[in-house]
C-alpha atoms as a PDB file:
ATOM      1  CA  MET A   1     -13.475  -5.880  26.797  1.00  0.00           C
ATOM      2  CA  VAL A   2     -16.930  -7.223  26.218  1.00  0.00           C
ATOM      3  CA  ALA A   3     -19.644  -5.560  24.146  1.00  0.00           C
ATOM      4  CA  ASP A   4     -20.737  -3.236  26.975  1.00  0.00           C
ATOM      5  CA  GLY A   5     -17.167  -1.949  27.484  1.00  0.00           C
ATOM      6  CA  GLN A   6     -16.463  -3.848  30.709  1.00  0.00           C
ATOM      7  CA  ALA A   7     -13.161  -5.675  31.120  1.00  0.00           C
ATOM      8  CA  ALA A   8     -13.649  -9.379  30.332  1.00  0.00           C
ATOM      9  CA  LEU A   9     -10.260 -10.714  31.464  1.00  0.00           C
ATOM     10  CA  ALA A  10      -7.492  -9.008  33.361  1.00  0.00           C
ATOM     11  CA  LYS A  11      -4.156  -8.768  31.550  1.00  0.00           C
ATOM     12  CA  GLN A  12      -2.565 -11.032  34.160  1.00  0.00           C
ATOM     13  CA  LYS A  13      -5.095 -13.821  33.419  1.00  0.00           C
ATOM     14  CA  ILE A  14      -4.513 -13.555  29.671  1.00  0.00           C
ATOM     15  CA  VAL A  15      -0.725 -13.686  30.049  1.00  0.00           C
ATOM     16  CA  GLU A  16      -0.978 -16.629  32.467  1.00  0.00           C
ATOM     17  CA  ALA A  17      -3.189 -18.589  30.055  1.00  0.00           C
ATOM     18  CA  HIS A  18      -0.436 -18.460  27.425  1.00  0.00           C
ATOM     19  CA  ARG A  19       2.499 -19.492  29.639  1.00  0.00           C
ATOM     20  CA  PRO A  20       3.971 -22.964  29.084  1.00  0.00           C
ATOM     21  CA  GLY A  21       2.825 -25.557  31.601  1.00  0.00           C
ATOM     22  CA  LYS A  22      -0.161 -23.574  32.896  1.00  0.00           C
ATOM     23  CA  GLY A  23      -3.705 -24.866  32.374  1.00  0.00           C
ATOM     24  CA  PRO A  24      -5.196 -26.464  29.261  1.00  0.00           C
ATOM     25  CA  LYS A  25      -3.250 -25.872  26.066  1.00  0.00           C
ATOM     26  CA  PHE A  26      -4.390 -25.408  22.525  1.00  0.00           C
ATOM     27  CA  THR A  27      -3.775 -28.192  20.023  1.00  0.00           C
ATOM     28  CA  ARG A  28      -4.431 -25.813  17.120  1.00  0.00           C
ATOM     29  CA  VAL A  29      -4.592 -22.029  16.727  1.00  0.00           C
ATOM     30  CA  GLU A  30      -5.562 -20.520  13.385  1.00  0.00           C
ATOM     31  CA  MET A  31      -5.799 -16.797  12.673  1.00  0.00           C
ATOM     32  CA  SER A  32      -7.733 -15.590   9.613  1.00  0.00           C
ATOM     33  CA  ASP A  33      -9.356 -12.523   8.083  1.00  0.00           C
ATOM     34  CA  MET A  34      -6.548 -10.287   9.389  1.00  0.00           C
ATOM     35  CA  ASN A  35      -6.829  -6.611   8.483  1.00  0.00           C
ATOM     36  CA  ILE A  36      -4.207  -4.034   9.507  1.00  0.00           C
ATOM     37  CA  ILE A  37      -4.869  -0.304   9.221  1.00  0.00           C
ATOM     38  CA  ASP A  38      -1.542   1.512   9.586  1.00  0.00           C
ATOM     39  CA  HIS A  39      -1.590   5.021  11.066  1.00  0.00           C
ATOM     40  CA  GLY A  40       2.191   5.456  11.283  1.00  0.00           C
ATOM     41  CA  THR A  41       2.809   5.319  15.029  1.00  0.00           C
ATOM     42  CA  ALA A  42      -0.429   3.407  15.635  1.00  0.00           C
ATOM     43  CA  ALA A  43      -2.197   0.506  13.948  1.00  0.00           C
ATOM     44  CA  VAL A  44      -5.649  -1.054  14.259  1.00  0.00           C
ATOM     45  CA  VAL A  45      -5.676  -4.827  13.739  1.00  0.00           C
ATOM     46  CA  THR A  46      -8.784  -6.983  13.339  1.00  0.00           C
ATOM     47  CA  CYS A  47      -8.854 -10.748  12.856  1.00  0.00           C
ATOM     48  CA  THR A  48     -10.625 -13.986  13.658  1.00  0.00           C
ATOM     49  CA  GLY A  49      -8.959 -16.695  15.737  1.00  0.00           C
ATOM     50  CA  THR A  50      -9.959 -20.331  16.064  1.00  0.00           C
ATOM     51  CA  TYR A  51      -8.608 -22.079  19.165  1.00  0.00           C
ATOM     52  CA  GLU A  52      -8.851 -25.845  19.514  1.00  0.00           C
ATOM     53  CA  SER A  53      -8.054 -27.867  22.643  1.00  0.00           C
ATOM     54  CA  PRO A  54      -8.552 -31.566  23.346  1.00  0.00           C
ATOM     55  CA  THR A  55     -12.007 -30.767  24.762  1.00  0.00           C
ATOM     56  CA  SER A  56     -13.345 -27.772  22.815  1.00  0.00           C
ATOM     57  CA  THR A  57     -13.075 -25.347  19.924  1.00  0.00           C
ATOM     58  CA  ALA A  58     -13.800 -21.609  20.071  1.00  0.00           C
ATOM     59  CA  THR A  59     -13.791 -18.983  17.344  1.00  0.00           C
ATOM     60  CA  LEU A  60     -13.294 -15.381  18.465  1.00  0.00           C
ATOM     61  CA  ARG A  61     -13.134 -11.984  16.744  1.00  0.00           C
ATOM     62  CA  PHE A  62     -10.400  -9.617  17.894  1.00  0.00           C
ATOM     63  CA  MET A  63      -9.619  -5.918  17.548  1.00  0.00           C
ATOM     64  CA  ARG A  64      -6.339  -4.543  18.890  1.00  0.00           C
ATOM     65  CA  VAL A  65      -4.904  -1.031  18.851  1.00  0.00           C
ATOM     66  CA  TRP A  66      -1.096  -1.046  18.745  1.00  0.00           C
ATOM     67  CA  VAL A  67       1.082   2.023  19.431  1.00  0.00           C
ATOM     68  CA  LYS A  68       4.760   2.291  18.488  1.00  0.00           C
ATOM     69  CA  LYS A  69       6.796   3.041  21.602  1.00  0.00           C
ATOM     70  CA  GLY A  70      10.550   3.583  21.943  1.00  0.00           C
ATOM     71  CA  ASN A  71      11.247  -0.144  22.351  1.00  0.00           C
ATOM     72  CA  GLY A  72       8.708  -1.532  19.873  1.00  0.00           C
ATOM     73  CA  TRP A  73       4.974  -1.986  19.489  1.00  0.00           C
ATOM     74  CA  GLN A  74       2.552  -2.308  22.428  1.00  0.00           C
ATOM     75  CA  ILE A  75      -1.149  -3.149  22.603  1.00  0.00           C
ATOM     76  CA  VAL A  76      -2.981  -0.234  24.242  1.00  0.00           C
ATOM     77  CA  ALA A  77      -6.610  -1.281  23.674  1.00  0.00           C
ATOM     78  CA  GLY A  78      -8.600  -4.193  22.375  1.00  0.00           C
ATOM     79  CA  THR A  79     -11.809  -6.152  22.250  1.00  0.00           C
ATOM     80  CA  VAL A  80     -12.698  -9.816  21.860  1.00  0.00           C
ATOM     81  CA  ALA A  81     -16.084 -11.345  21.088  1.00  0.00           C
ATOM     82  CA  SER A  82     -17.451 -14.720  20.169  1.00  0.00           C
ATOM     83  CA  ALA A  83     -17.605 -15.066  16.387  1.00  0.00           C
ATOM     84  CA  SER A  84     -21.059 -16.629  16.722  1.00  0.00           C
ATOM     85  CA  GLN A  85     -22.637 -13.394  18.017  1.00  0.00           C
END
């Protein structure tokens, strides 16, 4: 979601961007400043990610809410924003 709460990218587009052989790939991915707040069956995770490709570099801030389901952990909500904002 973007700052005003509107969906920025559909889940399908995000999943597709990370599949092998599809579109431009990252030459480097670095996660930093990770903070996990554990609530037992839920967790809030914040971090910064730097993504480098042959043509560009982007640094993004993430927040994800994970919930423990019967078969593992699942993201149920999240935000992403440019780290330069």
